[in-house]
Amino acid sequence: WDDIQKAKMTEEIGLAQPVAYTEAERRTIATHESGHATVAYLVGAGRKLEVLSVIKRKDALGLLSHSDAEERFTQTRTEIQALIQIAMGGLVAEELFFGETSTGVAGDLQSATAAAAQMVGSYGMAGSLISLDAAGGPPGANIVAKVLSDDEGRQGVEQILDDARTTVRSLLTDNLAIVAGLRDALLERDELVGDQITDVIRAAQASAAAEQ
């Protein structure tokens, strides 16, 4: 079973690459990924946490792999907002623990911006019911460029991203023990899979509750 799980991970998220991080960089990556995982656990209703890692794979220095618990073909506004919040988890965790962010947030901001632009320009989830996809081309083609080229659309995307960041800052501020627990587990083990992630989270919650 372990071999099957490793093969699945290799196919889905790539081969592990033997690179050596500095200790400070490894701590930053572990904190960043733990921020993602904490938010996913708190807001990702119906999502399954699969892999949390500080092992480099493909273009990712570390990663949180998560998926729908059941096969889905549509998403609600709340579910897309949750995905944007999960994307913001790493950035906010870096801000809270280090006072600044690293270049490691670039991919997260890209995916969050794309999702927010689709909410504004394709899905009618941000006030306007105008679909910019109706302007021509296949559905979804260059939707980010279309939305961001318009001042009102750009403001809509900014508002969605700002709201997500504010929500996540509040969530993580109230749950720093979970972020720290996951970070420490990653620094010790490099990678957590499946129930190992939720076991660490629940242990951190229990420890925090006992201290109150």
Protein backbone atom coordinates (compact mmCIF):
# COMPACT_ATOMS: atom_id res chain seq x y z
CA TRP A 1 0.00 0.00 0.00
CA ASP A 2 2.85 2.38 0.78
CA ASP A 3 4.29 1.74 -2.69
CA ILE A 4 0.92 2.45 -4.32
CA GLN A 5 0.59 5.70 -2.37
CA LYS A 6 4.10 6.79 -3.38
CA ALA A 7 3.38 5.95 -7.03
CA LYS A 8 0.13 7.95 -6.88
CA MET A 9 1.96 10.93 -5.40
CA THR A 10 4.70 10.72 -8.04
CA GLU A 11 2.13 10.65 -10.84
CA GLU A 12 0.03 13.50 -9.45
CA ILE A 13 2.61 15.87 -7.91
CA GLY A 14 5.94 14.75 -9.37
CA LEU A 15 9.14 13.07 -8.27
CA ALA A 16 10.83 14.24 -5.10
CA GLN A 17 13.95 16.25 -5.90
CA PRO A 18 16.91 15.97 -3.50
CA VAL A 19 17.66 19.64 -2.88
CA ALA A 20 19.07 21.08 0.33
CA TYR A 21 17.36 24.18 1.74
CA THR A 22 19.00 26.48 4.22
CA GLU A 23 17.46 26.04 7.67
CA ALA A 24 15.80 29.46 7.49
CA GLU A 25 14.32 28.75 4.05
CA ARG A 26 13.09 25.34 5.14
CA ARG A 27 11.31 26.93 8.11
CA THR A 28 9.73 29.53 5.85
CA ILE A 29 8.48 26.87 3.42
CA ALA A 30 7.15 24.73 6.29
CA THR A 31 5.33 27.73 7.78
CA HIS A 32 3.93 28.70 4.37
CA GLU A 33 2.56 25.23 3.61
CA SER A 34 1.20 24.89 7.14
CA GLY A 35 -0.74 28.12 6.60
CA HIS A 36 -2.37 26.59 3.51
CA ALA A 37 -3.22 23.39 5.38
CA THR A 38 -4.67 25.20 8.40
CA VAL A 39 -7.00 27.29 6.24
CA ALA A 40 -7.98 24.24 4.16
CA TYR A 41 -8.89 22.38 7.35
CA LEU A 42 -10.92 25.31 8.70
CA VAL A 43 -12.82 26.44 5.58
CA GLY A 44 -12.55 23.57 3.11
CA ALA A 45 -15.84 21.81 3.82
CA GLY A 46 -15.92 18.60 1.82
CA ARG A 47 -12.22 18.77 0.97
CA LYS A 48 -9.72 16.01 1.67
CA LEU A 49 -6.19 16.88 2.80
CA GLU A 50 -3.89 14.48 0.97
CA VAL A 51 -0.24 15.55 1.20
CA LEU A 52 1.58 18.30 3.10
CA SER A 53 5.24 18.50 2.23
CA VAL A 54 8.45 20.54 2.24
CA ILE A 55 10.04 18.22 -0.33
CA LYS A 56 10.63 19.91 -3.70
CA ARG A 57 8.62 18.50 -6.58
CA LYS A 58 8.42 19.96 -10.09
CA ASP A 59 8.27 23.75 -9.64
CA ALA A 60 6.97 23.59 -6.06
CA LEU A 61 9.36 24.04 -3.13
CA GLY A 62 6.69 22.55 -0.88
CA LEU A 63 3.03 21.81 -1.31
CA LEU A 64 -0.39 21.08 0.08
CA SER A 65 -2.32 18.62 -2.06
CA HIS A 66 -6.05 18.61 -1.40
CA SER A 67 -9.11 17.55 -3.37
CA ASP A 68 -12.88 17.20 -3.26
CA ALA A 69 -13.96 14.33 -1.05
CA GLU A 70 -16.39 13.37 -3.81
CA GLU A 71 -16.18 13.85 -7.59
CA ARG A 72 -17.65 17.25 -8.49
CA PHE A 73 -18.35 19.07 -11.75
CA THR A 74 -19.57 22.44 -10.43
CA GLN A 75 -18.60 24.83 -7.64
CA THR A 76 -20.58 27.30 -5.57
CA ARG A 77 -19.53 30.87 -4.80
CA THR A 78 -18.70 29.83 -1.23
CA GLU A 79 -16.52 26.97 -2.45
CA ILE A 80 -14.54 29.21 -4.81
CA GLN A 81 -14.09 31.77 -2.04
CA ALA A 82 -12.74 28.97 0.17
CA LEU A 83 -10.20 27.99 -2.50
CA ILE A 84 -9.04 31.61 -2.72
CA GLN A 85 -8.73 31.72 1.06
CA ILE A 86 -6.69 28.50 1.03
CA ALA A 87 -4.41 30.06 -1.59
CA MET A 88 -3.92 33.07 0.72
CA GLY A 89 -3.00 30.86 3.68
CA GLY A 90 0.70 30.67 2.89
CA LEU A 91 1.09 34.40 2.33
CA VAL A 92 -0.70 35.31 5.57
CA ALA A 93 1.22 32.70 7.58
CA GLU A 94 4.50 34.24 6.38
CA GLU A 95 3.26 37.71 7.35
CA LEU A 96 2.20 36.57 10.83
CA PHE A 97 5.33 34.57 11.65
CA PHE A 98 8.02 36.60 9.84
CA GLY A 99 6.55 40.06 9.32
CA GLU A 100 7.00 39.88 5.55
CA THR A 101 6.42 37.57 2.60
CA SER A 102 8.78 35.71 0.29
CA THR A 103 8.74 35.11 -3.46
CA GLY A 104 7.14 31.75 -2.65
CA VAL A 105 3.69 33.41 -2.72
CA ALA A 106 3.81 34.04 -6.49
CA GLY A 107 2.02 30.88 -7.58
CA ASP A 108 -0.64 31.29 -4.89
CA LEU A 109 -1.42 34.84 -6.01
CA GLN A 110 -1.63 33.67 -9.61
CA SER A 111 -4.22 30.99 -8.84
CA ALA A 112 -6.17 33.27 -6.49
CA THR A 113 -6.26 36.05 -9.09
CA ALA A 114 -7.45 33.65 -11.79
CA ALA A 115 -10.25 32.34 -9.57
CA ALA A 116 -11.33 35.86 -8.57
CA ALA A 117 -11.31 37.00 -12.21
CA GLN A 118 -13.57 34.10 -13.15
CA MET A 119 -15.96 35.06 -10.35
CA VAL A 120 -16.08 38.61 -11.74
CA GLY A 121 -16.07 37.98 -15.48
CA SER A 122 -17.51 34.52 -16.07
CA TYR A 123 -19.66 33.35 -13.18
CA GLY A 124 -21.69 36.44 -12.24
CA MET A 125 -20.57 36.08 -8.61
CA ALA A 126 -19.30 39.59 -7.93
CA GLY A 127 -22.20 41.96 -8.62
CA SER A 128 -22.32 42.18 -12.41
CA LEU A 129 -24.10 39.50 -14.45
CA ILE A 130 -22.24 40.44 -17.63
CA SER A 131 -20.17 37.57 -18.98
CA LEU A 132 -16.95 38.72 -20.62
CA ASP A 133 -16.77 35.28 -22.24
CA ALA A 134 -19.58 36.54 -24.48
CA ALA A 135 -17.06 38.91 -26.11
CA GLY A 136 -15.74 36.03 -28.17
CA GLY A 137 -13.37 33.11 -28.10
CA PRO A 138 -13.77 29.84 -26.23
CA PRO A 139 -15.19 30.00 -22.68
CA GLY A 140 -12.55 31.11 -20.22
CA ALA A 141 -10.07 32.26 -22.87
CA ASN A 142 -8.00 35.16 -21.50
CA ILE A 143 -10.67 35.90 -18.90
CA VAL A 144 -8.07 37.25 -16.47
CA ALA A 145 -6.75 39.71 -19.06
CA LYS A 146 -10.28 40.77 -19.98
CA VAL A 147 -11.28 41.41 -16.39
CA LEU A 148 -8.09 43.17 -15.35
CA SER A 149 -8.12 45.46 -18.40
CA ASP A 150 -11.32 47.08 -17.07
CA ASP A 151 -11.07 49.34 -14.01
CA GLU A 152 -14.33 48.10 -12.50
CA GLY A 153 -13.36 44.47 -13.09
CA ARG A 154 -9.90 45.02 -11.61
CA GLN A 155 -11.46 46.62 -8.52
CA GLY A 156 -13.77 43.62 -8.18
CA VAL A 157 -10.83 41.22 -8.23
CA GLU A 158 -8.91 43.37 -5.74
CA GLN A 159 -11.91 43.38 -3.40
CA ILE A 160 -12.27 39.60 -3.50
CA LEU A 161 -8.56 39.10 -2.82
CA ASP A 162 -8.48 41.71 -0.03
CA ASP A 163 -11.54 40.19 1.62
CA ALA A 164 -9.95 36.72 1.46
CA ARG A 165 -6.72 37.98 2.98
CA THR A 166 -8.60 39.70 5.82
CA THR A 167 -10.63 36.56 6.55
CA VAL A 168 -7.53 34.37 6.51
CA ARG A 169 -5.59 36.73 8.78
CA SER A 170 -8.37 36.45 11.36
CA LEU A 171 -8.54 32.65 11.01
CA LEU A 172 -4.81 32.12 11.37
CA THR A 173 -4.43 34.62 14.19
CA ASP A 174 -6.97 32.56 16.13
CA ASN A 175 -5.30 29.28 15.18
CA LEU A 176 -1.56 29.95 15.35
CA ALA A 177 -1.12 26.76 17.38
CA ILE A 178 -2.27 24.67 14.41
CA VAL A 179 0.14 26.41 12.03
CA ALA A 180 3.00 25.96 14.49
CA GLY A 181 2.11 22.30 15.11
CA LEU A 182 2.06 21.48 11.40
CA ARG A 183 5.25 23.47 10.82
CA ASP A 184 7.11 21.58 13.55
CA ALA A 185 5.85 18.23 12.25
CA LEU A 186 7.04 19.10 8.75
CA LEU A 187 10.44 20.22 10.02
CA GLU A 188 10.74 16.87 11.79
CA ARG A 189 9.29 14.56 9.10
CA ASP A 190 9.42 16.52 5.79
CA GLU A 191 6.06 15.16 4.69
CA LEU A 192 2.63 14.32 6.14
CA VAL A 193 0.11 12.17 4.27
CA GLY A 194 -3.63 11.83 4.78
CA ASP A 195 -4.65 11.23 8.38
CA GLN A 196 -1.19 12.27 9.57
CA ILE A 197 -2.16 15.87 8.72
CA THR A 198 -5.42 15.84 10.65
CA ASP A 199 -3.80 13.98 13.56
CA VAL A 200 -1.28 16.81 13.98
CA ILE A 201 -4.04 19.42 13.69
CA ARG A 202 -6.20 17.76 16.34
CA ALA A 203 -3.24 17.34 18.67
CA ALA A 204 -2.42 21.05 18.30
CA GLN A 205 -6.05 21.99 18.97
CA ALA A 206 -6.15 19.79 22.08
CA SER A 207 -2.88 21.25 23.37
CA ALA A 208 -4.08 24.81 22.79
CA ALA A 209 -7.38 24.08 24.55
CA ALA A 210 -5.56 22.57 27.54
CA GLU A 211 -3.45 25.72 27.91
CA GLN A 212 -6.47 28.01 28.03
